[in-house]
Amino acid sequence: MNSSDDKKITVLGLGGVGGYLGALLADTYPHVSFVARGARGASIREKGLTLHSDYRGGRTVRPERVVETAAELPPQDYIFICVKNYSLEEACRSLAGCVTDHTVIVPVMNGADPGDRARAYIEKGTVIDSLIYIVAFAGSDFSVTQQGNFANLFVGIQDADSRLWQTSCGIADLLNRAGIDCTATRNIQTEIWRKYIFNCAYNVETALYDNNIGQLRRDPEKVSDFEALVDEAYRVALAKGVPVTEDHRKAILHRFYCELQDNATSSLQRDVNAGTRTELETFSGYIVREAQRLNVSAPVSGRIYAQLKEKCRS
């Protein structure tokens, strides 16, 4: 028996990202719990969680537990928080009874600061920063679809000491054994901002125009705005002291032009179309406010943020 088989693992939030991670973890380890409310939780308890994955194949899994709230769980070894940013505080507060000094918490979420926010909300345990590159979403039947031939997770603490580095490597080992591509890095803030800069353009443009990546790439005006959004977020990162480089900026644009499938859509786009609560403030409002605070010119970000706010109100 591998020592990881004894670990108690929880996934909180079973949308696209949480569903992908949860399915592969539950398919590998015996003591996995899902926190899923309402109809989603009832569906998983009755039928299991079904993953349709281009990268890892299809499967239906049944975790050891499916609970409505983390308050129902015993102490856990690893907790992966996969909720929308606006639900992070509530999710963290719900963990009080199952987090000990030895629990490792990994927020796998959008945005630039979920790790810092989680550390402010959770008094015990160790919060490790992360980001994931994935195109995944939950269907109306609560199954999860992952598109494309990649799903890459990074974990770490910036300039980690030996203890935090070992903890980060332990998470990577746990995930890789489950078939989840994961890399531990001491430069996690660089990686987080590389993704965040991309999403400041990708999520907001797909949501504003209800276009997939292929449609954006074929429209010169939208391409020009996309590049401007990337450049503005990149300049904000530099003003904040984040260690990103011109090569990173070029790689972000290469991802837009060459790497994503034409049919790729974004989580913000899907939420806007569904008329549900969105992460607009995460992808757009945050960068606009930081640009203002740091005296960085960001006219395209400001214009599109205003347009999206109006679209979300209508």
Protein backbone atom coordinates (compact mmCIF):
# COMPACT_ATOMS: atom_id res chain seq x y z
CA MET A 1 0.00 0.00 0.00
CA ASN A 2 1.29 3.46 -0.91
CA SER A 3 1.37 5.86 2.04
CA SER A 4 -0.95 8.20 0.11
CA ASP A 5 -3.68 5.56 0.28
CA ASP A 6 -4.18 6.39 3.96
CA LYS A 7 -4.65 10.10 3.35
CA LYS A 8 -8.03 11.74 3.72
CA ILE A 9 -8.62 14.00 0.72
CA THR A 10 -11.50 16.43 0.16
CA VAL A 11 -12.54 18.31 -2.97
CA LEU A 12 -14.83 21.26 -2.22
CA GLY A 13 -16.63 22.49 -5.32
CA LEU A 14 -17.43 20.02 -8.11
CA GLY A 15 -17.67 22.25 -11.17
CA GLY A 16 -15.29 21.95 -14.11
CA VAL A 17 -11.98 22.15 -12.24
CA GLY A 18 -13.13 20.42 -9.04
CA GLY A 19 -14.93 17.74 -11.01
CA TYR A 20 -11.83 16.95 -13.06
CA LEU A 21 -9.57 16.79 -9.99
CA GLY A 22 -12.16 14.97 -7.91
CA ALA A 23 -12.84 12.29 -10.51
CA LEU A 24 -9.17 11.41 -10.92
CA LEU A 25 -8.46 11.53 -7.18
CA ALA A 26 -11.48 9.38 -6.32
CA ASP A 27 -10.49 6.92 -9.04
CA THR A 28 -7.08 6.49 -7.37
CA TYR A 29 -7.44 6.93 -3.61
CA PRO A 30 -9.88 5.21 -1.22
CA HIS A 31 -10.56 8.06 1.23
CA VAL A 32 -11.81 10.89 -0.97
CA SER A 33 -14.73 13.11 0.02
CA PHE A 34 -16.70 15.54 -2.15
CA VAL A 35 -18.47 18.61 -0.77
CA ALA A 36 -21.38 19.25 -3.13
CA ARG A 37 -24.67 20.88 -2.31
CA GLY A 38 -28.25 20.38 -3.40
CA ALA A 39 -29.06 18.67 -6.67
CA ARG A 40 -25.38 18.24 -7.59
CA GLY A 41 -24.64 16.42 -4.36
CA ALA A 42 -27.78 14.28 -4.68
CA SER A 43 -26.85 13.34 -8.23
CA ILE A 44 -23.32 12.30 -7.25
CA ARG A 45 -24.59 10.26 -4.30
CA GLU A 46 -27.07 8.47 -6.56
CA LYS A 47 -25.14 8.05 -9.81
CA GLY A 48 -21.53 8.95 -9.06
CA LEU A 49 -19.55 11.67 -10.82
CA THR A 50 -18.99 11.22 -14.55
CA LEU A 51 -15.97 12.77 -16.25
CA HIS A 52 -15.71 13.12 -20.03
CA SER A 53 -12.06 13.97 -20.64
CA ASP A 54 -10.25 14.40 -23.94
CA TYR A 55 -6.97 14.08 -22.07
CA ARG A 56 -7.60 11.34 -19.51
CA GLY A 57 -10.61 9.50 -20.88
CA GLY A 58 -14.06 8.96 -19.50
CA ARG A 59 -15.00 7.41 -16.17
CA THR A 60 -17.64 7.43 -13.46
CA VAL A 61 -16.41 7.49 -9.87
CA ARG A 62 -17.97 7.10 -6.46
CA PRO A 63 -16.03 8.81 -3.65
CA GLU A 64 -16.04 7.53 -0.09
CA ARG A 65 -18.26 10.43 1.01
CA VAL A 66 -20.46 13.08 -0.58
CA VAL A 67 -21.52 15.71 1.96
CA GLU A 68 -23.51 18.93 1.82
CA THR A 69 -21.02 20.88 3.93
CA ALA A 70 -17.47 20.41 5.15
CA ALA A 71 -18.81 20.60 8.71
CA GLU A 72 -19.81 16.94 8.24
CA LEU A 73 -16.21 15.81 7.64
CA PRO A 74 -13.61 14.47 10.08
CA PRO A 75 -10.12 16.03 10.03
CA GLN A 76 -8.58 15.91 6.55
CA ASP A 77 -5.03 15.64 5.25
CA TYR A 78 -5.56 17.47 1.95
CA ILE A 79 -8.34 19.84 0.91
CA PHE A 80 -8.68 21.20 -2.63
CA ILE A 81 -10.92 24.28 -2.79
CA CYS A 82 -12.40 24.65 -6.29
CA VAL A 83 -15.10 27.30 -5.92
CA LYS A 84 -15.74 30.65 -7.55
CA ASN A 85 -13.83 33.56 -6.01
CA TYR A 86 -16.96 35.11 -4.52
CA SER A 87 -17.54 31.88 -2.54
CA LEU A 88 -14.00 31.53 -1.16
CA GLU A 89 -14.61 33.10 2.26
CA GLU A 90 -17.71 31.00 2.89
CA ALA A 91 -15.87 27.86 1.78
CA CYS A 92 -12.91 28.56 4.06
CA ARG A 93 -15.10 29.30 7.07
CA SER A 94 -16.91 25.98 6.55
CA LEU A 95 -13.62 24.07 6.95
CA ALA A 96 -13.07 24.95 10.61
CA GLY A 97 -13.98 21.50 11.91
CA CYS A 98 -11.92 19.43 9.45
CA VAL A 99 -8.70 21.46 9.33
CA THR A 100 -5.90 20.65 11.79
CA ASP A 101 -2.37 22.00 12.08
CA HIS A 102 -1.31 19.24 9.67
CA THR A 103 -3.94 19.81 6.97
CA VAL A 104 -2.75 21.07 3.60
CA ILE A 105 -5.23 23.34 1.78
CA VAL A 106 -4.89 24.09 -1.93
CA PRO A 107 -7.21 26.68 -3.50
CA VAL A 108 -7.36 25.76 -7.20
CA MET A 109 -9.13 28.86 -8.44
CA ASN A 110 -9.01 31.80 -10.80
CA GLY A 111 -7.47 35.13 -9.91
CA ALA A 112 -4.23 36.52 -8.55
CA ASP A 113 -4.74 36.20 -4.78
CA PRO A 114 -6.91 33.26 -3.65
CA GLY A 115 -4.04 31.78 -1.63
CA ASP A 116 -3.47 34.99 0.32
CA ARG A 117 -7.18 35.34 0.96
CA ALA A 118 -7.50 31.72 2.11
CA ARG A 119 -4.61 32.20 4.54
CA ALA A 120 -6.49 35.15 6.03
CA TYR A 121 -9.66 33.07 6.51
CA ILE A 122 -8.18 29.77 7.78
CA GLU A 123 -6.41 29.78 11.13
CA LYS A 124 -4.85 26.30 11.02
CA GLY A 125 -3.10 24.15 8.45
CA THR A 126 -0.91 25.18 5.53
CA VAL A 127 -2.30 26.92 2.44
CA ILE A 128 -0.32 26.24 -0.74
CA ASP A 129 -0.78 28.45 -3.80
CA SER A 130 -1.73 26.94 -7.14
CA LEU A 131 -3.01 27.50 -10.64
CA ILE A 132 -4.36 25.21 -13.32
CA TYR A 133 -4.46 25.39 -17.09
CA ILE A 134 -7.59 23.55 -18.15
CA VAL A 135 -10.72 23.92 -20.24
CA ALA A 136 -13.44 22.16 -18.24
CA PHE A 137 -17.06 22.72 -17.33
CA ALA A 138 -20.00 21.00 -15.66
CA GLY A 139 -23.10 20.06 -17.66
CA SER A 140 -26.74 20.31 -16.73
CA ASP A 141 -26.61 16.64 -15.69
CA PHE A 142 -23.67 17.47 -13.34
CA SER A 143 -21.20 15.50 -15.43
CA VAL A 144 -17.88 17.25 -16.13
CA THR A 145 -16.31 17.74 -19.56
CA GLN A 146 -12.62 18.49 -20.05
CA GLN A 147 -11.56 19.64 -23.52
CA GLY A 148 -8.13 19.50 -25.15
CA ASN A 149 -4.95 17.53 -24.68
CA PHE A 150 -3.75 19.33 -21.55
CA ALA A 151 -4.65 19.91 -17.91
CA ASN A 152 -1.63 21.28 -16.06
CA LEU A 153 -1.52 22.20 -12.39
CA PHE A 154 1.24 24.12 -10.59
CA VAL A 155 1.64 24.29 -6.81
CA GLY A 156 4.03 26.05 -4.47
CA ILE A 157 4.89 28.97 -2.25
CA GLN A 158 7.03 31.79 -3.63
CA ASP A 159 10.65 31.30 -2.48
CA ALA A 160 9.54 28.46 -0.19
CA ASP A 161 11.63 27.30 2.74
CA SER A 162 12.50 23.61 3.02
CA ARG A 163 9.30 22.66 4.89
CA LEU A 164 6.97 24.38 2.46
CA TRP A 165 8.93 23.04 -0.48
CA GLN A 166 8.55 19.47 0.80
CA THR A 167 4.83 20.08 1.32
CA SER A 168 4.49 21.37 -2.23
CA CYS A 169 6.38 18.38 -3.61
CA GLY A 170 4.12 16.07 -1.60
CA ILE A 171 1.02 17.60 -3.21
CA ALA A 172 2.58 17.20 -6.66
CA ASP A 173 3.36 13.54 -5.96
CA LEU A 174 -0.19 12.92 -4.70
CA LEU A 175 -1.73 14.46 -7.81
CA ASN A 176 0.65 12.96 -10.34
CA ARG A 177 -0.04 9.49 -9.00
CA ALA A 178 -3.72 10.14 -9.80
CA GLY A 179 -2.91 11.12 -13.37
CA ILE A 180 -3.19 14.87 -12.70
CA ASP A 181 -0.20 16.61 -14.27
CA CYS A 182 1.27 18.72 -11.48
CA THR A 183 4.55 20.60 -11.06
CA ALA A 184 5.87 22.04 -7.80
CA THR A 185 7.60 25.41 -8.22
CA ARG A 186 9.26 27.98 -5.99
CA ASN A 187 8.26 30.67 -8.52
CA ILE A 188 4.52 30.21 -8.14
CA GLN A 189 3.69 33.94 -8.29
CA THR A 190 5.25 34.14 -11.74
CA GLU A 191 3.15 31.18 -12.87
CA ILE A 192 -0.03 32.56 -11.29
CA TRP A 193 0.39 35.91 -13.03
CA ARG A 194 1.26 34.31 -16.37
CA LYS A 195 -2.14 32.64 -16.29
CA TYR A 196 -3.89 35.63 -14.77
CA ILE A 197 -2.60 38.02 -17.43
CA PHE A 198 -3.88 35.65 -20.11
CA ASN A 199 -7.29 35.40 -18.43
CA CYS A 200 -7.60 39.19 -18.14
CA ALA A 201 -7.89 39.07 -21.94
CA TYR A 202 -9.30 35.60 -22.67
CA ASN A 203 -12.16 35.56 -20.17
CA VAL A 204 -13.26 39.14 -20.68
CA GLU A 205 -13.24 39.09 -24.50
CA THR A 206 -14.97 35.72 -24.83
CA ALA A 207 -17.59 36.91 -22.33
CA LEU A 208 -18.14 40.33 -23.89
CA TYR A 209 -18.56 39.08 -27.45
CA ASP A 210 -19.78 35.53 -26.68
CA ASN A 211 -17.05 34.27 -29.01
CA ASN A 212 -14.84 31.23 -28.79
CA ILE A 213 -11.09 31.54 -29.30
CA GLY A 214 -11.30 30.81 -33.02
CA GLN A 215 -13.81 33.62 -33.57
CA LEU A 216 -11.64 36.09 -31.65
CA ARG A 217 -8.55 35.13 -33.63
CA ARG A 218 -10.33 35.78 -36.94
CA ASP A 219 -11.35 39.35 -36.05
CA PRO A 220 -8.48 41.90 -36.34
CA GLU A 221 -10.15 44.43 -34.02
CA LYS A 222 -10.70 41.82 -31.32
CA VAL A 223 -7.12 40.59 -31.75
CA SER A 224 -5.87 44.14 -31.24
CA ASP A 225 -7.93 44.50 -28.05
CA PHE A 226 -6.74 41.10 -26.84
CA GLU A 227 -3.11 42.17 -27.19
CA ALA A 228 -3.86 45.46 -25.43
CA LEU A 229 -5.55 43.66 -22.52
CA VAL A 230 -2.52 41.40 -22.16
CA ASP A 231 -0.11 44.34 -22.28
CA GLU A 232 -2.06 46.31 -19.68
CA ALA A 233 -2.23 43.40 -17.22
CA TYR A 234 1.46 42.69 -17.83
CA ARG A 235 2.36 46.29 -16.92
CA VAL A 236 0.27 46.04 -13.75
CA ALA A 237 2.17 42.88 -12.77
CA LEU A 238 5.49 44.65 -13.29
CA ALA A 239 4.29 47.61 -11.21
CA LYS A 240 3.38 45.19 -8.40
CA GLY A 241 6.87 43.67 -8.49
CA VAL A 242 5.76 40.31 -9.87
CA PRO A 243 8.73 38.58 -11.58
CA VAL A 244 7.31 38.33 -15.10
CA THR A 245 9.37 38.99 -18.23
CA GLU A 246 8.93 39.98 -21.86
CA ASP A 247 9.37 36.31 -22.78
CA HIS A 248 6.40 35.49 -20.56
CA ARG A 249 4.32 38.15 -22.32
CA LYS A 250 5.25 36.68 -25.71
CA ALA A 251 4.37 33.17 -24.50
CA ILE A 252 0.95 34.38 -23.33
CA LEU A 253 0.22 35.78 -26.79
CA HIS A 254 1.54 32.59 -28.41
CA ARG A 255 -0.94 30.64 -26.32
CA PHE A 256 -3.76 32.76 -27.71
CA TYR A 257 -2.62 32.51 -31.32
CA CYS A 258 -1.38 28.93 -31.49
CA GLU A 259 -2.24 26.67 -28.55
CA LEU A 260 -5.93 26.76 -27.64
CA GLN A 261 -8.49 24.92 -29.73
CA ASP A 262 -10.76 27.09 -31.87
CA ASN A 263 -13.83 25.97 -29.89
CA ALA A 264 -12.39 26.94 -26.48
CA THR A 265 -14.73 29.05 -24.32
CA SER A 266 -14.28 30.57 -20.87
CA SER A 267 -15.90 30.19 -17.47
CA LEU A 268 -16.82 33.88 -17.39
CA GLN A 269 -18.46 33.58 -20.80
CA ARG A 270 -20.54 30.60 -19.67
CA ASP A 271 -21.62 32.35 -16.47
CA VAL A 272 -22.61 35.55 -18.30
CA ASN A 273 -24.63 33.53 -20.82
CA ALA A 274 -26.34 31.58 -18.05
CA GLY A 275 -27.28 34.76 -16.18
CA THR A 276 -25.63 33.48 -13.00
CA ARG A 277 -23.25 35.26 -10.66
CA THR A 278 -19.92 35.87 -12.38
CA GLU A 279 -16.23 36.37 -11.59
CA LEU A 280 -16.13 39.65 -13.52
CA GLU A 281 -14.45 41.38 -10.58
CA THR A 282 -11.77 38.68 -10.52
CA PHE A 283 -10.91 38.86 -14.21
CA SER A 284 -11.51 42.54 -14.94
CA GLY A 285 -12.40 44.67 -11.93
CA TYR A 286 -9.28 43.68 -9.99
CA ILE A 287 -6.87 44.61 -12.78
CA VAL A 288 -8.64 47.92 -13.43
CA ARG A 289 -8.50 48.87 -9.75
CA GLU A 290 -4.86 47.83 -9.42
CA ALA A 291 -3.97 49.83 -12.54
CA GLN A 292 -5.60 52.91 -11.02
CA ARG A 293 -3.87 52.34 -7.68
CA LEU A 294 -0.46 51.93 -9.32
CA ASN A 295 -0.95 54.69 -11.89
CA VAL A 296 -0.70 52.26 -14.83
CA SER A 297 -2.55 53.24 -18.01
CA ALA A 298 -5.19 50.60 -18.82
CA PRO A 299 -7.79 52.18 -21.13
CA VAL A 300 -8.87 48.99 -22.94
CA SER A 301 -9.27 47.10 -19.67
CA GLY A 302 -11.37 49.94 -18.30
CA ARG A 303 -13.56 50.18 -21.40
CA ILE A 304 -14.26 46.45 -21.59
CA TYR A 305 -14.86 46.21 -17.83
CA ALA A 306 -17.54 48.92 -18.15
CA GLN A 307 -19.10 47.15 -21.15
CA LEU A 308 -19.20 43.83 -19.32
CA LYS A 309 -20.74 45.37 -16.20
CA GLU A 310 -23.49 46.76 -18.38
CA LYS A 311 -23.95 43.40 -20.13
CA CYS A 312 -24.23 41.61 -16.80
CA ARG A 313 -26.89 44.08 -15.62
CA SER A 314 -29.02 43.72 -18.76
